[in-house]
Amino acid sequence: MKQFTFRLSLSSEEIMLMYQGHVRRLVVRCEQGLTLELALEKLRPFISISGVHGYFRLNTQDDHRFVSLERIK
């Protein structure tokens, strides 16, 4: 399993783009130096009225298939 960490701060307006279907994927730069593409549906458990904010850990299989996403701060 591989782990990638990144910070994320998306406003409620940016999240609305997801619900309106304008955006489906998010590209983030992780602390390990890689750029990751993440389906926005994976962020749904973390959405609040103010958007999505926090420090996250993405767990993937060795071939980079999604396993889990968790907020660690």
C-alpha atoms as a PDB file:
ATOM      1  CA  MET A   1       0.000   0.000   0.000  1.00  0.00           C
ATOM      2  CA  LYS A   2       1.138   3.556  -0.725  1.00  0.00           C
ATOM      3  CA  GLN A   3       0.279   6.699   1.218  1.00  0.00           C
ATOM      4  CA  PHE A   4       0.183  10.299   0.038  1.00  0.00           C
ATOM      5  CA  THR A   5      -0.492  13.373   2.177  1.00  0.00           C
ATOM      6  CA  PHE A   6      -1.751  16.776   1.098  1.00  0.00           C
ATOM      7  CA  ARG A   7      -3.508  19.898   2.357  1.00  0.00           C
ATOM      8  CA  LEU A   8      -6.784  20.945   0.852  1.00  0.00           C
ATOM      9  CA  SER A   9      -8.821  24.109   1.133  1.00  0.00           C
ATOM     10  CA  LEU A  10     -11.872  24.383  -1.112  1.00  0.00           C
ATOM     11  CA  SER A  11     -14.568  26.984  -0.563  1.00  0.00           C
ATOM     12  CA  SER A  12     -18.271  26.193  -0.636  1.00  0.00           C
ATOM     13  CA  GLU A  13     -18.451  27.930  -4.036  1.00  0.00           C
ATOM     14  CA  GLU A  14     -15.795  25.603  -5.415  1.00  0.00           C
ATOM     15  CA  ILE A  15     -17.671  22.594  -4.052  1.00  0.00           C
ATOM     16  CA  MET A  16     -20.850  23.839  -5.766  1.00  0.00           C
ATOM     17  CA  LEU A  17     -19.054  23.434  -9.115  1.00  0.00           C
ATOM     18  CA  MET A  18     -18.837  19.726  -8.294  1.00  0.00           C
ATOM     19  CA  TYR A  19     -22.556  19.442  -7.563  1.00  0.00           C
ATOM     20  CA  GLN A  20     -23.405  21.362 -10.727  1.00  0.00           C
ATOM     21  CA  GLY A  21     -21.324  18.889 -12.756  1.00  0.00           C
ATOM     22  CA  HIS A  22     -18.731  21.417 -13.943  1.00  0.00           C
ATOM     23  CA  VAL A  23     -15.865  19.675 -12.155  1.00  0.00           C
ATOM     24  CA  ARG A  24     -15.416  15.950 -11.571  1.00  0.00           C
ATOM     25  CA  ARG A  25     -11.764  15.592 -10.639  1.00  0.00           C
ATOM     26  CA  LEU A  26      -9.360  17.441  -8.419  1.00  0.00           C
ATOM     27  CA  VAL A  27      -5.627  17.717  -9.056  1.00  0.00           C
ATOM     28  CA  VAL A  28      -3.493  18.130  -5.926  1.00  0.00           C
ATOM     29  CA  ARG A  29       0.205  18.340  -5.253  1.00  0.00           C
ATOM     30  CA  CYS A  30       1.105  15.939  -2.450  1.00  0.00           C
ATOM     31  CA  GLU A  31       3.941  16.374   0.025  1.00  0.00           C
ATOM     32  CA  GLN A  32       5.772  13.451  -1.564  1.00  0.00           C
ATOM     33  CA  GLY A  33       6.316  15.603  -4.664  1.00  0.00           C
ATOM     34  CA  LEU A  34       3.771  13.910  -6.913  1.00  0.00           C
ATOM     35  CA  THR A  35       0.691  15.382  -8.537  1.00  0.00           C
ATOM     36  CA  LEU A  36      -2.439  13.323  -7.894  1.00  0.00           C
ATOM     37  CA  GLU A  37      -5.795  13.292  -9.626  1.00  0.00           C
ATOM     38  CA  LEU A  38      -8.665  12.483  -7.297  1.00  0.00           C
ATOM     39  CA  ALA A  39     -12.352  11.983  -8.100  1.00  0.00           C
ATOM     40  CA  LEU A  40     -14.342  14.628  -6.239  1.00  0.00           C
ATOM     41  CA  GLU A  41     -16.843  12.010  -5.088  1.00  0.00           C
ATOM     42  CA  LYS A  42     -14.150  10.791  -2.677  1.00  0.00           C
ATOM     43  CA  LEU A  43     -14.380  14.143  -0.837  1.00  0.00           C
ATOM     44  CA  ARG A  44     -18.098  13.940  -0.055  1.00  0.00           C
ATOM     45  CA  PRO A  45     -17.656  12.676   3.535  1.00  0.00           C
ATOM     46  CA  PHE A  46     -15.535  15.750   4.310  1.00  0.00           C
ATOM     47  CA  ILE A  47     -17.773  18.483   2.879  1.00  0.00           C
ATOM     48  CA  SER A  48     -19.127  21.063   5.319  1.00  0.00           C
ATOM     49  CA  ILE A  49     -21.010  24.331   4.864  1.00  0.00           C
ATOM     50  CA  SER A  50     -17.681  26.142   4.539  1.00  0.00           C
ATOM     51  CA  GLY A  51     -16.308  23.689   1.939  1.00  0.00           C
ATOM     52  CA  VAL A  52     -13.529  21.145   2.420  1.00  0.00           C
ATOM     53  CA  HIS A  53     -10.530  22.038   4.530  1.00  0.00           C
ATOM     54  CA  GLY A  54      -7.819  19.964   6.169  1.00  0.00           C
ATOM     55  CA  TYR A  55      -4.806  17.738   5.937  1.00  0.00           C
ATOM     56  CA  PHE A  56      -5.536  14.423   4.217  1.00  0.00           C
ATOM     57  CA  ARG A  57      -3.954  11.020   3.671  1.00  0.00           C
ATOM     58  CA  LEU A  58      -4.745   9.087   0.515  1.00  0.00           C
ATOM     59  CA  ASN A  59      -4.113   5.349   0.700  1.00  0.00           C
ATOM     60  CA  THR A  60      -3.714   3.452  -2.564  1.00  0.00           C
ATOM     61  CA  GLN A  61      -2.785  -0.016  -3.660  1.00  0.00           C
ATOM     62  CA  ASP A  62       0.716  -0.450  -5.056  1.00  0.00           C
ATOM     63  CA  ASP A  63      -0.691   0.100  -8.560  1.00  0.00           C
ATOM     64  CA  HIS A  64      -2.193   3.442  -7.346  1.00  0.00           C
ATOM     65  CA  ARG A  65      -5.834   2.296  -7.223  1.00  0.00           C
ATOM     66  CA  PHE A  66      -7.865   4.075  -4.542  1.00  0.00           C
ATOM     67  CA  VAL A  67      -8.201   2.389  -1.141  1.00  0.00           C
ATOM     68  CA  SER A  68      -9.216   5.173   1.267  1.00  0.00           C
ATOM     69  CA  LEU A  69      -9.054   8.872   2.057  1.00  0.00           C
ATOM     70  CA  GLU A  70      -8.907  10.176   5.603  1.00  0.00           C
ATOM     71  CA  ARG A  71      -8.608  13.593   7.200  1.00  0.00           C
ATOM     72  CA  ILE A  72      -5.728  13.566   9.652  1.00  0.00           C
ATOM     73  CA  LYS A  73      -5.977  17.201  10.843  1.00  0.00           C
END
